[in-house]
Protein backbone atom coordinates (compact mmCIF):
# COMPACT_ATOMS: atom_id res chain seq x y z
CA UNK A 1 -20.62 -10.09 -9.27
CA UNK A 2 -18.63 -6.98 -9.62
CA UNK A 3 -16.97 -5.60 -6.55
CA UNK A 4 -18.45 -2.02 -5.35
CA UNK A 5 -16.16 0.47 -3.76
CA UNK A 6 -17.77 1.71 -0.38
CA UNK A 7 -16.91 3.71 2.30
CA UNK A 8 -16.95 0.47 4.69
CA UNK A 9 -14.64 -1.22 2.11
CA UNK A 10 -12.39 1.81 1.95
CA UNK A 11 -12.12 2.02 5.71
CA UNK A 12 -11.59 -1.72 6.21
CA UNK A 13 -8.58 -1.37 3.47
CA UNK A 14 -7.14 1.71 5.03
CA UNK A 15 -7.26 0.39 8.52
CA UNK A 16 -5.05 -2.70 7.60
CA UNK A 17 -2.84 -0.43 5.83
CA UNK A 18 -2.39 1.61 8.82
CA UNK A 19 -1.35 -1.20 10.74
CA UNK A 20 1.71 -2.26 8.47
CA UNK A 21 4.95 -1.24 10.73
CA UNK A 22 7.92 0.67 9.42
CA UNK A 23 10.41 -1.59 7.68
CA UNK A 24 7.76 -4.12 6.52
CA UNK A 25 5.73 -4.21 3.35
CA UNK A 26 2.16 -6.08 2.67
CA UNK A 27 1.23 -6.96 -0.75
CA UNK A 28 -2.20 -6.05 -2.39
CA UNK A 29 -3.54 -9.72 -1.81
CA UNK A 30 -2.33 -9.94 1.44
CA UNK A 31 -4.79 -6.98 2.42
CA UNK A 32 -7.37 -8.54 0.42
CA UNK A 33 -7.19 -11.86 2.32
CA UNK A 34 -6.96 -9.94 5.67
CA UNK A 35 -10.39 -8.17 4.87
CA UNK A 36 -12.12 -11.32 3.60
CA UNK A 37 -11.70 -10.83 0.09
CA UNK A 38 -8.96 -13.25 -1.33
CA UNK A 39 -9.78 -12.57 -5.01
CA UNK A 40 -9.87 -8.59 -4.78
CA UNK A 41 -6.16 -7.39 -4.71
CA UNK A 42 -7.01 -5.15 -7.72
CA UNK A 43 -9.90 -3.61 -5.62
CA UNK A 44 -7.45 -2.97 -2.80
CA UNK A 45 -5.10 -1.37 -5.43
CA UNK A 46 -7.83 0.77 -6.69
CA UNK A 47 -8.70 2.09 -3.26
CA UNK A 48 -5.00 2.60 -2.60
CA UNK A 49 -4.76 4.73 -5.66
CA UNK A 50 -7.56 7.05 -3.93
CA UNK A 51 -6.19 7.08 -0.50
CA UNK A 52 -5.13 10.77 -0.43
CA UNK A 53 -8.82 11.73 -0.30
CA UNK A 54 -9.08 9.80 2.99
CA UNK A 55 -6.31 11.11 5.12
CA UNK A 56 -2.48 10.19 5.46
CA UNK A 57 -1.96 6.24 5.00
CA UNK A 58 1.47 4.43 4.61
CA UNK A 59 0.36 3.03 1.21
CA UNK A 60 4.03 3.08 0.14
CA UNK A 61 4.18 -0.03 2.26
CA UNK A 62 2.16 -2.05 -0.17
CA UNK A 63 3.44 -3.71 -3.25
CA UNK A 64 2.70 -6.51 -5.45
CA UNK A 65 3.11 -10.14 -4.52
CA UNK A 66 6.71 -10.27 -5.93
CA UNK A 67 7.63 -7.17 -4.31
CA UNK A 68 7.57 -4.60 -7.30
CA UNK A 69 6.51 -1.15 -6.27
CA UNK A 70 3.72 0.49 -7.86
CA UNK A 71 4.83 1.55 -11.54
CA UNK A 72 3.40 5.26 -11.10
CA UNK A 73 4.68 5.91 -7.70
CA UNK A 74 8.24 7.13 -8.13
CA UNK A 75 8.89 7.80 -4.62
CA UNK A 76 7.72 4.79 -3.22
CA UNK A 77 11.24 2.95 -3.45
CA UNK A 78 12.82 6.14 -1.58
CA UNK A 79 10.09 6.11 1.25
CA UNK A 80 10.62 2.50 1.77
CA UNK A 81 14.29 2.47 1.54
CA UNK A 82 14.30 5.38 4.07
CA UNK A 83 12.36 3.14 6.52
CA UNK A 84 14.87 0.09 6.12
CA UNK A 85 13.11 -2.02 3.51
CA UNK A 86 15.68 -3.94 1.79
CA UNK A 87 15.52 -4.25 -2.12
CA UNK A 88 17.09 -6.95 -4.49
CA UNK A 89 18.94 -6.01 -7.57
CA UNK A 90 15.92 -6.20 -9.69
CA UNK A 91 14.48 -3.14 -7.75
CA UNK A 92 11.86 -5.21 -6.05
CA UNK A 93 11.47 -5.55 -2.43
CA UNK A 94 13.24 -8.57 -0.79
CA UNK A 95 10.10 -10.27 0.47
CA UNK A 96 11.67 -12.99 2.47
CA UNK A 97 13.01 -10.23 4.67
CA UNK A 98 10.49 -7.34 4.67
CA UNK A 99 6.99 -8.79 4.36
CA UNK A 100 4.64 -8.28 7.30
CA UNK A 101 4.14 -11.29 9.17
CA UNK A 102 0.49 -10.87 9.99
CA UNK A 103 -1.45 -13.67 9.17
């Protein structure tokens, strides 16, 4: 069954993103799990790519499961560093130290 992006789904995702504290990051999969859609990490990414239409959310605090920033979001690493997020030499977030422990 295909996932459909609804206003309710957008609200659920952005509500979780809004809760990520400064200095922490969450993964797309982590957000999907928090809204009860464990297998929809890509759907979370799709919604976040359109977030500017819904207001100002800290979407820069969302990375992939390995800590890799979004490839087309050039300012993301700079924004995260400004909030105290630590990066490893491979330019990935140090998930052991900076992952949001909300589960």
